[in-house]
């Protein structure tokens, strides 16, 4: 697969697109559990529990259904299904990331000069690589 431009990315909450997306980021981590014993000459580790974080930034639109679904998930304290299509292609055969995210924060911000109000969301959960079915 060739390199991809990030400008085409799409985020959906279940099947509802998030409008005015300007950036997103997700990361998966694994705990490093130390197994070093006395007398060892170097530390040793095994993998522990995995975790993940997710965030996105968009131009604020109170009437956008995707942004509303994220806010609803935060208010309810429940996980939401997030689908990330890095290439913007959402049809059969496309690669995408999907998973359940617990939205833990929402922020609306603006700065003088830009004029645009931004909305950002972040949460915890893992996204796994998948392929869109037919």
C-alpha atoms as a PDB file:
ATOM      1  CA  UNK A   1       0.000   0.000   0.000  1.00  0.00           C
ATOM      2  CA  UNK A   2       1.259   3.452  -0.828  1.00  0.00           C
ATOM      3  CA  UNK A   3       1.533   6.271   1.695  1.00  0.00           C
ATOM      4  CA  UNK A   4      -1.679   8.130   2.395  1.00  0.00           C
ATOM      5  CA  UNK A   5      -2.525  11.788   2.855  1.00  0.00           C
ATOM      6  CA  UNK A   6      -4.264  12.518   6.142  1.00  0.00           C
ATOM      7  CA  UNK A   7      -6.617  15.101   4.707  1.00  0.00           C
ATOM      8  CA  UNK A   8      -9.108  12.469   3.547  1.00  0.00           C
ATOM      9  CA  UNK A   9      -9.759  10.823   6.927  1.00  0.00           C
ATOM     10  CA  UNK A  10     -13.296  10.063   8.072  1.00  0.00           C
ATOM     11  CA  UNK A  11     -14.575   9.303  11.560  1.00  0.00           C
ATOM     12  CA  UNK A  12     -17.943   7.685  12.100  1.00  0.00           C
ATOM     13  CA  UNK A  13     -19.789   7.072  15.343  1.00  0.00           C
ATOM     14  CA  UNK A  14     -21.338   3.729  14.445  1.00  0.00           C
ATOM     15  CA  UNK A  15     -22.449   4.831  10.927  1.00  0.00           C
ATOM     16  CA  UNK A  16     -22.871   8.585  11.513  1.00  0.00           C
ATOM     17  CA  UNK A  17     -20.032  10.737  10.194  1.00  0.00           C
ATOM     18  CA  UNK A  18     -18.440  13.449  12.329  1.00  0.00           C
ATOM     19  CA  UNK A  19     -18.609  16.682  10.329  1.00  0.00           C
ATOM     20  CA  UNK A  20     -15.871  19.297  10.009  1.00  0.00           C
ATOM     21  CA  UNK A  21     -13.101  16.954  11.235  1.00  0.00           C
ATOM     22  CA  UNK A  22      -9.691  18.655  11.366  1.00  0.00           C
ATOM     23  CA  UNK A  23      -7.555  16.044  13.165  1.00  0.00           C
ATOM     24  CA  UNK A  24      -7.665  12.762  15.042  1.00  0.00           C
ATOM     25  CA  UNK A  25      -5.253  10.554  16.933  1.00  0.00           C
ATOM     26  CA  UNK A  26      -5.375   7.171  18.592  1.00  0.00           C
ATOM     27  CA  UNK A  27      -2.704   5.191  20.370  1.00  0.00           C
ATOM     28  CA  UNK A  28      -2.507   1.656  21.742  1.00  0.00           C
ATOM     29  CA  UNK A  29      -0.139   0.861  24.599  1.00  0.00           C
ATOM     30  CA  UNK A  30       0.813  -2.221  26.590  1.00  0.00           C
ATOM     31  CA  UNK A  31       1.995  -2.309  30.188  1.00  0.00           C
ATOM     32  CA  UNK A  32       5.544  -3.544  30.638  1.00  0.00           C
ATOM     33  CA  UNK A  33       5.540  -5.921  33.621  1.00  0.00           C
ATOM     34  CA  UNK A  34       9.021  -6.286  35.034  1.00  0.00           C
ATOM     35  CA  UNK A  35      10.235  -9.853  35.604  1.00  0.00           C
ATOM     36  CA  UNK A  36      13.793  -9.037  36.677  1.00  0.00           C
ATOM     37  CA  UNK A  37      15.113 -11.196  39.522  1.00  0.00           C
ATOM     38  CA  UNK A  38      17.977 -10.649  41.919  1.00  0.00           C
ATOM     39  CA  UNK A  39      21.273 -11.523  40.267  1.00  0.00           C
ATOM     40  CA  UNK A  40      20.096 -10.624  36.737  1.00  0.00           C
ATOM     41  CA  UNK A  41      22.432  -8.289  34.826  1.00  0.00           C
ATOM     42  CA  UNK A  42      19.657  -6.591  32.862  1.00  0.00           C
ATOM     43  CA  UNK A  43      16.003  -5.871  33.378  1.00  0.00           C
ATOM     44  CA  UNK A  44      13.471  -8.159  31.684  1.00  0.00           C
ATOM     45  CA  UNK A  45       9.790  -7.669  30.933  1.00  0.00           C
ATOM     46  CA  UNK A  46       6.642  -9.354  29.702  1.00  0.00           C
ATOM     47  CA  UNK A  47       3.658  -7.669  28.152  1.00  0.00           C
ATOM     48  CA  UNK A  48       0.762  -6.887  30.453  1.00  0.00           C
ATOM     49  CA  UNK A  49      -2.603  -5.299  29.841  1.00  0.00           C
ATOM     50  CA  UNK A  50      -3.220  -3.223  26.739  1.00  0.00           C
ATOM     51  CA  UNK A  51      -4.889   0.176  26.729  1.00  0.00           C
ATOM     52  CA  UNK A  52      -5.710   2.853  24.222  1.00  0.00           C
ATOM     53  CA  UNK A  53      -6.520   6.529  23.880  1.00  0.00           C
ATOM     54  CA  UNK A  54      -8.471   8.379  21.214  1.00  0.00           C
ATOM     55  CA  UNK A  55      -8.960  12.055  20.429  1.00  0.00           C
ATOM     56  CA  UNK A  56     -10.389  14.143  17.627  1.00  0.00           C
ATOM     57  CA  UNK A  57     -10.788  17.822  16.835  1.00  0.00           C
ATOM     58  CA  UNK A  58     -13.444  19.345  14.606  1.00  0.00           C
ATOM     59  CA  UNK A  59     -14.999  22.674  13.869  1.00  0.00           C
ATOM     60  CA  UNK A  60     -17.822  23.032  16.363  1.00  0.00           C
ATOM     61  CA  UNK A  61     -21.296  22.394  14.989  1.00  0.00           C
ATOM     62  CA  UNK A  62     -24.003  21.934  17.618  1.00  0.00           C
ATOM     63  CA  UNK A  63     -26.367  20.511  14.977  1.00  0.00           C
ATOM     64  CA  UNK A  64     -23.936  17.846  13.671  1.00  0.00           C
ATOM     65  CA  UNK A  65     -25.282  14.363  14.479  1.00  0.00           C
ATOM     66  CA  UNK A  66     -21.794  12.834  14.806  1.00  0.00           C
ATOM     67  CA  UNK A  67     -20.619  15.433  17.325  1.00  0.00           C
ATOM     68  CA  UNK A  68     -23.938  15.059  19.154  1.00  0.00           C
ATOM     69  CA  UNK A  69     -23.476  11.270  19.390  1.00  0.00           C
ATOM     70  CA  UNK A  70     -20.055  11.822  20.985  1.00  0.00           C
ATOM     71  CA  UNK A  71     -21.483  14.335  23.493  1.00  0.00           C
ATOM     72  CA  UNK A  72     -24.323  11.909  24.281  1.00  0.00           C
ATOM     73  CA  UNK A  73     -21.805   9.134  24.986  1.00  0.00           C
ATOM     74  CA  UNK A  74     -19.937  11.415  27.385  1.00  0.00           C
ATOM     75  CA  UNK A  75     -23.143  12.479  29.169  1.00  0.00           C
ATOM     76  CA  UNK A  76     -24.330   8.875  29.528  1.00  0.00           C
ATOM     77  CA  UNK A  77     -20.945   7.527  30.624  1.00  0.00           C
ATOM     78  CA  UNK A  78     -21.215   4.719  28.082  1.00  0.00           C
ATOM     79  CA  UNK A  79     -18.903   3.531  25.328  1.00  0.00           C
ATOM     80  CA  UNK A  80     -19.506   4.475  21.717  1.00  0.00           C
ATOM     81  CA  UNK A  81     -18.408   2.626  18.606  1.00  0.00           C
ATOM     82  CA  UNK A  82     -15.823   4.654  16.721  1.00  0.00           C
ATOM     83  CA  UNK A  83     -14.769   3.852  13.143  1.00  0.00           C
ATOM     84  CA  UNK A  84     -11.722   5.619  11.689  1.00  0.00           C
ATOM     85  CA  UNK A  85     -11.153   5.503   7.931  1.00  0.00           C
ATOM     86  CA  UNK A  86      -7.657   6.985   7.402  1.00  0.00           C
ATOM     87  CA  UNK A  87      -8.025   7.146   3.606  1.00  0.00           C
ATOM     88  CA  UNK A  88     -11.614   8.404   3.680  1.00  0.00           C
ATOM     89  CA  UNK A  89     -12.831   5.296   1.832  1.00  0.00           C
ATOM     90  CA  UNK A  90     -15.759   3.645   3.636  1.00  0.00           C
ATOM     91  CA  UNK A  91     -16.789   1.072   1.023  1.00  0.00           C
ATOM     92  CA  UNK A  92     -16.261  -2.707   0.945  1.00  0.00           C
ATOM     93  CA  UNK A  93     -12.634  -3.791   1.071  1.00  0.00           C
ATOM     94  CA  UNK A  94     -11.342  -0.573   2.656  1.00  0.00           C
ATOM     95  CA  UNK A  95      -9.090  -0.788   5.713  1.00  0.00           C
ATOM     96  CA  UNK A  96     -10.316   0.994   8.833  1.00  0.00           C
ATOM     97  CA  UNK A  97      -9.935   1.019  12.611  1.00  0.00           C
ATOM     98  CA  UNK A  98     -12.873   0.236  14.876  1.00  0.00           C
ATOM     99  CA  UNK A  99     -13.571  -0.180  18.564  1.00  0.00           C
ATOM    100  CA  UNK A 100     -15.478   0.932  21.631  1.00  0.00           C
ATOM    101  CA  UNK A 101     -14.337   4.184  23.200  1.00  0.00           C
ATOM    102  CA  UNK A 102     -15.397   5.667  26.527  1.00  0.00           C
ATOM    103  CA  UNK A 103     -15.476   9.419  25.906  1.00  0.00           C
ATOM    104  CA  UNK A 104     -13.915  11.049  28.985  1.00  0.00           C
ATOM    105  CA  UNK A 105     -13.725  14.702  27.975  1.00  0.00           C
ATOM    106  CA  UNK A 106     -15.161  17.287  25.649  1.00  0.00           C
ATOM    107  CA  UNK A 107     -13.826  20.782  25.104  1.00  0.00           C
ATOM    108  CA  UNK A 108     -15.021  23.745  23.065  1.00  0.00           C
ATOM    109  CA  UNK A 109     -12.426  26.429  22.372  1.00  0.00           C
ATOM    110  CA  UNK A 110     -11.690  29.438  20.227  1.00  0.00           C
ATOM    111  CA  UNK A 111      -8.923  31.982  19.913  1.00  0.00           C
ATOM    112  CA  UNK A 112      -8.935  35.557  18.769  1.00  0.00           C
ATOM    113  CA  UNK A 113      -8.053  35.910  15.111  1.00  0.00           C
ATOM    114  CA  UNK A 114      -9.012  32.449  13.885  1.00  0.00           C
ATOM    115  CA  UNK A 115     -12.715  33.059  14.203  1.00  0.00           C
ATOM    116  CA  UNK A 116     -13.595  29.341  14.176  1.00  0.00           C
ATOM    117  CA  UNK A 117     -14.836  27.576  17.264  1.00  0.00           C
ATOM    118  CA  UNK A 118     -13.302  24.112  17.742  1.00  0.00           C
ATOM    119  CA  UNK A 119     -14.683  21.115  19.534  1.00  0.00           C
ATOM    120  CA  UNK A 120     -12.384  18.369  20.793  1.00  0.00           C
ATOM    121  CA  UNK A 121     -13.146  15.005  22.337  1.00  0.00           C
ATOM    122  CA  UNK A 122     -10.968  12.374  23.972  1.00  0.00           C
ATOM    123  CA  UNK A 123     -11.468   8.992  25.548  1.00  0.00           C
ATOM    124  CA  UNK A 124     -10.111   5.566  26.341  1.00  0.00           C
ATOM    125  CA  UNK A 125     -10.446   2.296  24.492  1.00  0.00           C
ATOM    126  CA  UNK A 126      -8.732   0.355  21.753  1.00  0.00           C
ATOM    127  CA  UNK A 127      -9.193   0.451  18.018  1.00  0.00           C
ATOM    128  CA  UNK A 128      -8.367  -2.605  15.920  1.00  0.00           C
ATOM    129  CA  UNK A 129      -7.563  -2.724  12.218  1.00  0.00           C
ATOM    130  CA  UNK A 130     -10.300  -4.261  10.120  1.00  0.00           C
ATOM    131  CA  UNK A 131     -11.649  -4.465   6.576  1.00  0.00           C
ATOM    132  CA  UNK A 132     -15.040  -3.089   5.572  1.00  0.00           C
ATOM    133  CA  UNK A 133     -17.333  -5.977   4.611  1.00  0.00           C
ATOM    134  CA  UNK A 134     -19.625  -6.090   1.614  1.00  0.00           C
END
